[in-house]
C-alpha atoms as a PDB file:
ATOM      1  CA  UNK A   1       3.916 -20.012  -5.130  1.00  0.00           C
ATOM      2  CA  UNK A   2       1.482 -22.682  -4.047  1.00  0.00           C
ATOM      3  CA  UNK A   3      -2.234 -22.035  -4.151  1.00  0.00           C
ATOM      4  CA  UNK A   4      -2.716 -22.639  -0.424  1.00  0.00           C
ATOM      5  CA  UNK A   5      -0.678 -19.534   0.433  1.00  0.00           C
ATOM      6  CA  UNK A   6      -3.151 -17.122  -1.168  1.00  0.00           C
ATOM      7  CA  UNK A   7      -5.019 -16.348   2.054  1.00  0.00           C
ATOM      8  CA  UNK A   8      -2.330 -16.747   4.687  1.00  0.00           C
ATOM      9  CA  UNK A   9       0.578 -15.272   2.732  1.00  0.00           C
ATOM     10  CA  UNK A  10       4.193 -16.247   3.285  1.00  0.00           C
ATOM     11  CA  UNK A  11       3.688 -18.344   6.476  1.00  0.00           C
ATOM     12  CA  UNK A  12       1.621 -20.759   4.398  1.00  0.00           C
ATOM     13  CA  UNK A  13       4.875 -22.529   3.606  1.00  0.00           C
ATOM     14  CA  UNK A  14       4.737 -24.020   7.109  1.00  0.00           C
ATOM     15  CA  UNK A  15       1.337 -25.605   6.509  1.00  0.00           C
ATOM     16  CA  UNK A  16      -0.188 -27.417   9.466  1.00  0.00           C
ATOM     17  CA  UNK A  17       3.163 -27.793  11.232  1.00  0.00           C
ATOM     18  CA  UNK A  18       2.632 -24.520  13.091  1.00  0.00           C
ATOM     19  CA  UNK A  19      -0.455 -23.294  14.897  1.00  0.00           C
ATOM     20  CA  UNK A  20      -2.587 -20.415  13.648  1.00  0.00           C
ATOM     21  CA  UNK A  21      -1.335 -17.971  16.280  1.00  0.00           C
ATOM     22  CA  UNK A  22       2.313 -18.642  15.492  1.00  0.00           C
ATOM     23  CA  UNK A  23       1.694 -18.223  11.759  1.00  0.00           C
ATOM     24  CA  UNK A  24      -0.054 -14.888  12.435  1.00  0.00           C
ATOM     25  CA  UNK A  25       2.946 -13.705  14.470  1.00  0.00           C
ATOM     26  CA  UNK A  26       5.336 -14.811  11.727  1.00  0.00           C
ATOM     27  CA  UNK A  27       3.277 -12.919   9.159  1.00  0.00           C
ATOM     28  CA  UNK A  28       3.368  -9.649  11.128  1.00  0.00           C
ATOM     29  CA  UNK A  29       7.116  -9.943  11.745  1.00  0.00           C
ATOM     30  CA  UNK A  30       7.888 -10.695   8.091  1.00  0.00           C
ATOM     31  CA  UNK A  31       5.658  -7.852   6.897  1.00  0.00           C
ATOM     32  CA  UNK A  32       7.450  -5.414   9.212  1.00  0.00           C
ATOM     33  CA  UNK A  33      10.837  -6.640   8.034  1.00  0.00           C
ATOM     34  CA  UNK A  34       9.977  -6.209   4.338  1.00  0.00           C
ATOM     35  CA  UNK A  35       8.322  -2.805   4.776  1.00  0.00           C
ATOM     36  CA  UNK A  36      10.239   0.207   3.490  1.00  0.00           C
ATOM     37  CA  UNK A  37      11.578   2.319   6.317  1.00  0.00           C
ATOM     38  CA  UNK A  38      12.768   5.895   6.315  1.00  0.00           C
ATOM     39  CA  UNK A  39      16.288   6.914   7.278  1.00  0.00           C
ATOM     40  CA  UNK A  40      16.802   8.737  10.571  1.00  0.00           C
ATOM     41  CA  UNK A  41      19.338  11.165   9.127  1.00  0.00           C
ATOM     42  CA  UNK A  42      18.197  11.950   5.559  1.00  0.00           C
ATOM     43  CA  UNK A  43      14.521  10.908   5.710  1.00  0.00           C
ATOM     44  CA  UNK A  44      14.484   8.878   2.470  1.00  0.00           C
ATOM     45  CA  UNK A  45      12.883   5.431   2.361  1.00  0.00           C
ATOM     46  CA  UNK A  46      16.078   3.615   1.437  1.00  0.00           C
ATOM     47  CA  UNK A  47      16.908   1.788   4.668  1.00  0.00           C
ATOM     48  CA  UNK A  48      17.862  -1.866   4.333  1.00  0.00           C
ATOM     49  CA  UNK A  49      18.666  -4.482   6.939  1.00  0.00           C
ATOM     50  CA  UNK A  50      22.341  -5.395   6.803  1.00  0.00           C
ATOM     51  CA  UNK A  51      22.344  -7.923   9.636  1.00  0.00           C
ATOM     52  CA  UNK A  52      20.293  -8.626  12.736  1.00  0.00           C
ATOM     53  CA  UNK A  53      19.848  -5.214  14.366  1.00  0.00           C
ATOM     54  CA  UNK A  54      22.113  -3.332  11.923  1.00  0.00           C
ATOM     55  CA  UNK A  55      20.447  -1.020   9.388  1.00  0.00           C
ATOM     56  CA  UNK A  56      22.044   0.995   6.580  1.00  0.00           C
ATOM     57  CA  UNK A  57      20.767   3.766   4.330  1.00  0.00           C
ATOM     58  CA  UNK A  58      21.532   3.317   0.647  1.00  0.00           C
ATOM     59  CA  UNK A  59      21.359   7.007  -0.137  1.00  0.00           C
ATOM     60  CA  UNK A  60      23.422   8.709   2.587  1.00  0.00           C
ATOM     61  CA  UNK A  61      25.370   5.664   3.817  1.00  0.00           C
ATOM     62  CA  UNK A  62      24.359   6.107   7.449  1.00  0.00           C
ATOM     63  CA  UNK A  63      24.572   2.957   9.530  1.00  0.00           C
ATOM     64  CA  UNK A  64      22.762   2.567  12.816  1.00  0.00           C
ATOM     65  CA  UNK A  65      21.385  -0.035  15.172  1.00  0.00           C
ATOM     66  CA  UNK A  66      17.772  -0.826  15.805  1.00  0.00           C
ATOM     67  CA  UNK A  67      15.545  -3.780  16.375  1.00  0.00           C
ATOM     68  CA  UNK A  68      15.967  -7.182  14.786  1.00  0.00           C
ATOM     69  CA  UNK A  69      13.012  -6.729  12.442  1.00  0.00           C
ATOM     70  CA  UNK A  70      12.434  -2.956  12.470  1.00  0.00           C
ATOM     71  CA  UNK A  71      14.898  -0.053  12.331  1.00  0.00           C
ATOM     72  CA  UNK A  72      13.535   1.466  15.524  1.00  0.00           C
ATOM     73  CA  UNK A  73      12.216  -0.212  18.630  1.00  0.00           C
ATOM     74  CA  UNK A  74       9.385   0.902  20.852  1.00  0.00           C
ATOM     75  CA  UNK A  75      10.152   1.601  24.474  1.00  0.00           C
ATOM     76  CA  UNK A  76       7.605   0.962  27.177  1.00  0.00           C
END
């Protein structure tokens, strides 16, 4: 990866085309998406994102819906 992405991480690929706030938001969303999540039925950390809002567990095969970037969404 390029040397200018050492501090900012993956959103450094956008460079100066995006503002600092937008790059910070992109970084938090991408970090949440890549984070290992635990399954709701078996509890193992083997949940992967199949499509936008669809999550599957590799171990038990359970498939459920959630948020676009996280398996569960927060309600207000």
